[in-house]
Protein backbone atom coordinates (compact mmCIF):
# COMPACT_ATOMS: atom_id res chain seq x y z
CA UNK A 1 22.60 -16.70 10.62
CA UNK A 2 19.14 -15.96 9.15
CA UNK A 3 16.70 -18.81 8.61
CA UNK A 4 16.58 -18.20 4.85
CA UNK A 5 20.37 -18.24 4.54
CA UNK A 6 21.87 -20.80 6.89
CA UNK A 7 25.43 -21.90 7.61
CA UNK A 8 25.37 -24.61 4.93
CA UNK A 9 24.38 -22.09 2.24
CA UNK A 10 27.07 -19.68 3.42
CA UNK A 11 29.65 -22.48 3.31
CA UNK A 12 28.68 -23.29 -0.29
CA UNK A 13 28.91 -19.60 -1.22
CA UNK A 14 32.39 -19.22 0.30
CA UNK A 15 33.61 -22.39 -1.39
CA UNK A 16 32.24 -21.24 -4.75
CA UNK A 17 33.93 -17.83 -4.49
CA UNK A 18 37.21 -19.45 -3.40
CA UNK A 19 37.06 -21.83 -6.37
CA UNK A 20 36.23 -19.00 -8.78
CA UNK A 21 39.09 -16.77 -7.57
CA UNK A 22 41.70 -19.57 -7.66
CA UNK A 23 40.50 -20.80 -11.04
CA UNK A 24 40.46 -17.32 -12.59
CA UNK A 25 44.00 -16.62 -11.40
CA UNK A 26 45.26 -19.91 -12.87
CA UNK A 27 43.31 -19.31 -16.08
CA UNK A 28 45.02 -15.94 -16.59
CA UNK A 29 48.45 -17.42 -15.88
CA UNK A 30 47.91 -20.33 -18.29
CA UNK A 31 45.51 -18.78 -20.77
CA UNK A 32 47.39 -15.56 -21.57
CA UNK A 33 50.51 -17.23 -23.05
CA UNK A 34 48.29 -19.74 -24.88
CA UNK A 35 46.26 -16.88 -26.36
CA UNK A 36 49.47 -15.05 -27.37
CA UNK A 37 50.82 -18.13 -29.11
CA UNK A 38 47.53 -18.77 -30.91
CA UNK A 39 47.39 -15.14 -32.05
CA UNK A 40 51.01 -14.96 -33.25
CA UNK A 41 52.03 -18.46 -34.28
CA UNK A 42 52.29 -19.51 -37.91
CA UNK A 43 52.54 -23.19 -36.97
CA UNK A 44 50.35 -25.64 -38.90
CA UNK A 45 49.15 -27.15 -35.62
CA UNK A 46 47.87 -23.81 -34.30
CA UNK A 47 44.26 -24.46 -35.23
CA UNK A 48 44.43 -27.99 -33.83
CA UNK A 49 45.58 -26.59 -30.47
CA UNK A 50 42.94 -23.87 -30.72
CA UNK A 51 40.27 -26.50 -31.33
CA UNK A 52 41.41 -28.51 -28.31
CA UNK A 53 41.25 -25.38 -26.14
CA UNK A 54 37.74 -24.60 -27.43
CA UNK A 55 36.48 -28.19 -27.07
CA UNK A 56 34.77 -27.59 -23.67
CA UNK A 57 32.44 -25.12 -25.43
CA UNK A 58 30.63 -27.97 -27.18
CA UNK A 59 31.60 -30.99 -25.09
CA UNK A 60 28.95 -32.09 -22.55
CA UNK A 61 30.28 -31.26 -19.05
CA UNK A 62 29.54 -34.76 -17.81
CA UNK A 63 31.72 -36.25 -20.56
CA UNK A 64 34.61 -33.97 -19.62
CA UNK A 65 34.07 -34.68 -15.93
CA UNK A 66 33.97 -38.43 -16.56
CA UNK A 67 37.29 -38.55 -18.39
CA UNK A 68 38.94 -36.20 -15.89
CA UNK A 69 37.73 -38.51 -13.14
CA UNK A 70 39.40 -41.44 -14.89
CA UNK A 71 42.57 -39.45 -15.59
CA UNK A 72 42.95 -38.19 -12.02
CA UNK A 73 41.87 -41.40 -10.31
CA UNK A 74 44.57 -42.78 -7.96
CA UNK A 75 43.97 -46.17 -9.60
CA UNK A 76 45.63 -44.85 -12.78
CA UNK A 77 49.32 -44.14 -13.33
CA UNK A 78 48.95 -40.36 -13.73
CA UNK A 79 46.45 -40.01 -10.90
CA UNK A 80 48.61 -42.17 -8.63
CA UNK A 81 51.64 -40.00 -9.36
CA UNK A 82 49.65 -36.82 -8.63
CA UNK A 83 48.42 -38.31 -5.35
CA UNK A 84 51.99 -39.03 -4.27
CA UNK A 85 53.23 -35.55 -5.25
CA UNK A 86 50.37 -33.63 -3.59
CA UNK A 87 49.77 -36.01 -0.71
CA UNK A 88 46.13 -36.85 -1.47
CA UNK A 89 43.92 -37.90 -4.42
CA UNK A 90 42.45 -35.25 -6.70
CA UNK A 91 38.94 -36.68 -7.25
CA UNK A 92 36.35 -35.55 -4.68
CA UNK A 93 38.61 -32.79 -3.37
CA UNK A 94 39.00 -29.05 -3.86
CA UNK A 95 42.16 -29.65 -5.91
CA UNK A 96 40.16 -31.76 -8.33
CA UNK A 97 37.54 -29.02 -8.65
CA UNK A 98 40.26 -26.54 -9.57
CA UNK A 99 41.67 -28.81 -12.29
CA UNK A 100 38.23 -29.44 -13.76
CA UNK A 101 37.25 -25.78 -13.58
CA UNK A 102 40.46 -24.60 -15.27
CA UNK A 103 40.03 -27.00 -18.18
CA UNK A 104 36.30 -26.37 -18.56
CA UNK A 105 36.55 -22.55 -18.41
CA UNK A 106 39.77 -22.22 -20.45
CA UNK A 107 38.11 -21.19 -23.75
CA UNK A 108 36.13 -18.43 -22.03
CA UNK A 109 39.41 -16.78 -21.04
CA UNK A 110 41.64 -17.66 -24.00
CA UNK A 111 39.29 -16.50 -26.77
CA UNK A 112 38.76 -12.86 -25.63
CA UNK A 113 42.48 -12.46 -24.92
CA UNK A 114 43.39 -14.00 -28.27
CA UNK A 115 41.01 -11.61 -30.04
CA UNK A 116 42.66 -8.65 -28.30
CA UNK A 117 46.15 -9.84 -29.25
CA UNK A 118 45.07 -10.31 -32.88
CA UNK A 119 43.56 -6.81 -32.93
CA UNK A 120 46.86 -5.18 -31.98
CA UNK A 121 48.23 -5.47 -35.50
CA UNK A 122 51.79 -5.71 -36.72
CA UNK A 123 52.91 -2.00 -36.81
CA UNK A 124 53.07 -1.54 -33.02
CA UNK A 125 54.94 -4.78 -32.49
CA UNK A 126 57.31 -4.18 -35.43
CA UNK A 127 58.06 -0.67 -34.17
CA UNK A 128 59.06 -2.07 -30.79
CA UNK A 129 61.18 -4.76 -32.43
CA UNK A 130 62.92 -2.15 -34.61
CA UNK A 131 63.98 -0.38 -31.41
CA UNK A 132 65.68 -3.62 -30.37
CA UNK A 133 63.07 -4.57 -27.81
CA UNK A 134 63.30 -8.23 -26.87
CA UNK A 135 60.28 -10.53 -27.37
CA UNK A 136 59.90 -10.47 -23.60
CA UNK A 137 59.73 -6.64 -23.58
CA UNK A 138 57.35 -6.57 -26.54
CA UNK A 139 54.97 -8.93 -24.79
CA UNK A 140 54.94 -7.20 -21.40
CA UNK A 141 55.40 -3.56 -22.48
CA UNK A 142 53.29 -3.49 -25.66
CA UNK A 143 51.04 -6.52 -26.06
CA UNK A 144 49.68 -6.91 -22.52
CA UNK A 145 48.71 -3.23 -22.03
CA UNK A 146 46.99 -3.15 -25.43
CA UNK A 147 45.17 -6.41 -24.67
CA UNK A 148 43.64 -5.16 -21.41
CA UNK A 149 40.04 -5.21 -22.72
CA UNK A 150 40.32 -8.89 -23.63
CA UNK A 151 42.07 -9.72 -20.36
CA UNK A 152 39.35 -7.99 -18.33
CA UNK A 153 36.58 -9.63 -20.34
CA UNK A 154 38.25 -13.03 -20.06
CA UNK A 155 38.65 -12.59 -16.30
CA UNK A 156 34.96 -11.75 -15.85
CA UNK A 157 33.80 -14.60 -18.08
CA UNK A 158 36.16 -17.13 -16.50
CA UNK A 159 35.06 -16.17 -13.00
CA UNK A 160 31.37 -16.26 -13.88
CA UNK A 161 31.62 -19.54 -15.75
CA UNK A 162 33.35 -21.16 -12.79
CA UNK A 163 30.63 -19.94 -10.43
CA UNK A 164 27.95 -21.51 -12.62
CA UNK A 165 29.61 -24.89 -13.29
CA UNK A 166 27.66 -28.00 -12.44
CA UNK A 167 28.30 -31.11 -14.56
CA UNK A 168 32.08 -31.19 -14.28
CA UNK A 169 31.92 -30.31 -10.58
CA UNK A 170 29.40 -33.03 -9.76
CA UNK A 171 31.26 -35.72 -11.72
CA UNK A 172 34.70 -34.84 -10.39
CA UNK A 173 33.90 -33.55 -6.90
CA UNK A 174 30.62 -35.05 -5.84
CA UNK A 175 28.60 -33.41 -3.08
CA UNK A 176 30.82 -33.10 -0.01
CA UNK A 177 29.83 -30.19 2.31
CA UNK A 178 32.71 -27.80 2.93
CA UNK A 179 34.91 -29.55 0.37
CA UNK A 180 33.16 -29.84 -3.02
CA UNK A 181 29.57 -28.67 -2.45
CA UNK A 182 29.48 -25.42 -4.41
CA UNK A 183 26.39 -23.29 -5.13
CA UNK A 184 25.26 -25.11 -8.27
CA UNK A 185 25.43 -28.47 -6.48
CA UNK A 186 23.70 -27.02 -3.41
CA UNK A 187 20.77 -25.82 -5.58
CA UNK A 188 20.46 -29.30 -7.09
CA UNK A 189 20.58 -30.83 -3.62
CA UNK A 190 17.86 -28.51 -2.28
CA UNK A 191 15.60 -29.28 -5.23
CA UNK A 192 16.15 -33.02 -4.75
CA UNK A 193 15.16 -32.72 -1.08
CA UNK A 194 12.22 -30.36 -1.85
CA UNK A 195 13.74 -27.42 0.06
CA UNK A 196 12.24 -24.94 -2.37
CA UNK A 197 12.84 -21.74 -0.37
CA UNK A 198 16.57 -22.35 -0.11
CA UNK A 199 16.73 -23.31 -3.78
CA UNK A 200 14.93 -20.07 -4.66
CA UNK A 201 17.35 -17.97 -2.61
CA UNK A 202 20.46 -19.44 -4.24
CA UNK A 203 18.95 -19.61 -7.75
CA UNK A 204 17.73 -16.01 -7.51
CA UNK A 205 21.18 -14.92 -6.38
CA UNK A 206 22.73 -16.70 -9.36
CA UNK A 207 20.34 -14.92 -11.74
CA UNK A 208 21.32 -11.56 -10.26
CA UNK A 209 24.98 -12.47 -10.47
CA UNK A 210 24.63 -13.53 -14.12
CA UNK A 211 22.92 -10.24 -14.95
CA UNK A 212 25.76 -8.28 -13.35
CA UNK A 213 28.35 -10.31 -15.27
CA UNK A 214 26.72 -9.65 -18.65
CA UNK A 215 26.32 -5.97 -17.82
CA UNK A 216 29.94 -5.69 -16.65
CA UNK A 217 31.23 -7.37 -19.81
CA UNK A 218 29.15 -5.06 -22.00
CA UNK A 219 30.34 -1.95 -20.14
CA UNK A 220 33.99 -3.04 -20.36
CA UNK A 221 33.75 -3.53 -24.11
CA UNK A 222 31.91 -0.21 -24.54
CA UNK A 223 34.45 1.68 -22.44
CA UNK A 224 37.46 0.45 -24.40
CA UNK A 225 35.65 0.90 -27.73
CA UNK A 226 34.89 4.55 -26.91
CA UNK A 227 38.41 5.10 -25.57
CA UNK A 228 39.97 4.14 -28.90
């Protein structure tokens, strides 16, 4: 391993990518039906649910991390039950990072998908229903294919947001090498210990990654806009 990129930095990079992939997959599984319901529901509580989903956009990450730490703590009833079911506590573990990341990045996935579902319009869905398509068929055969731009954008944003998380990760996971020490925490650690070169390498990589994410999102939106 090169001197400017040692085994510890590589371990943090692998852990970050693993967390981002797992979180993005779970976000798509959970966020897509939530976005569909928010786009289609006429319920009076729709906007309340939508506000709860969007809350991490304005809530300080440390506040969210603090309350998740209390919720998942094995000293509490819910955290104790989770520890028994999964065999180990959630705080200061990779499982805890996944839970925190899913909740914190949820609005970045739900909102683009919801916008795509809302842009579909009624005629396409009503035409499918008039041909006796079930709600299940309408969702998978009509809605999902037409919502691909939002799903792709949400996937990119969810992945990127997970890679860049810091406050929630530090509060819920701490700084355990190989277990919870992701790239953002590693940069903080290197700055704290005055290891400027290593901090520069990781921070510069994050800047390049962020640039690629913004460019990819812009190109996705442009491609689907021109395709219409």
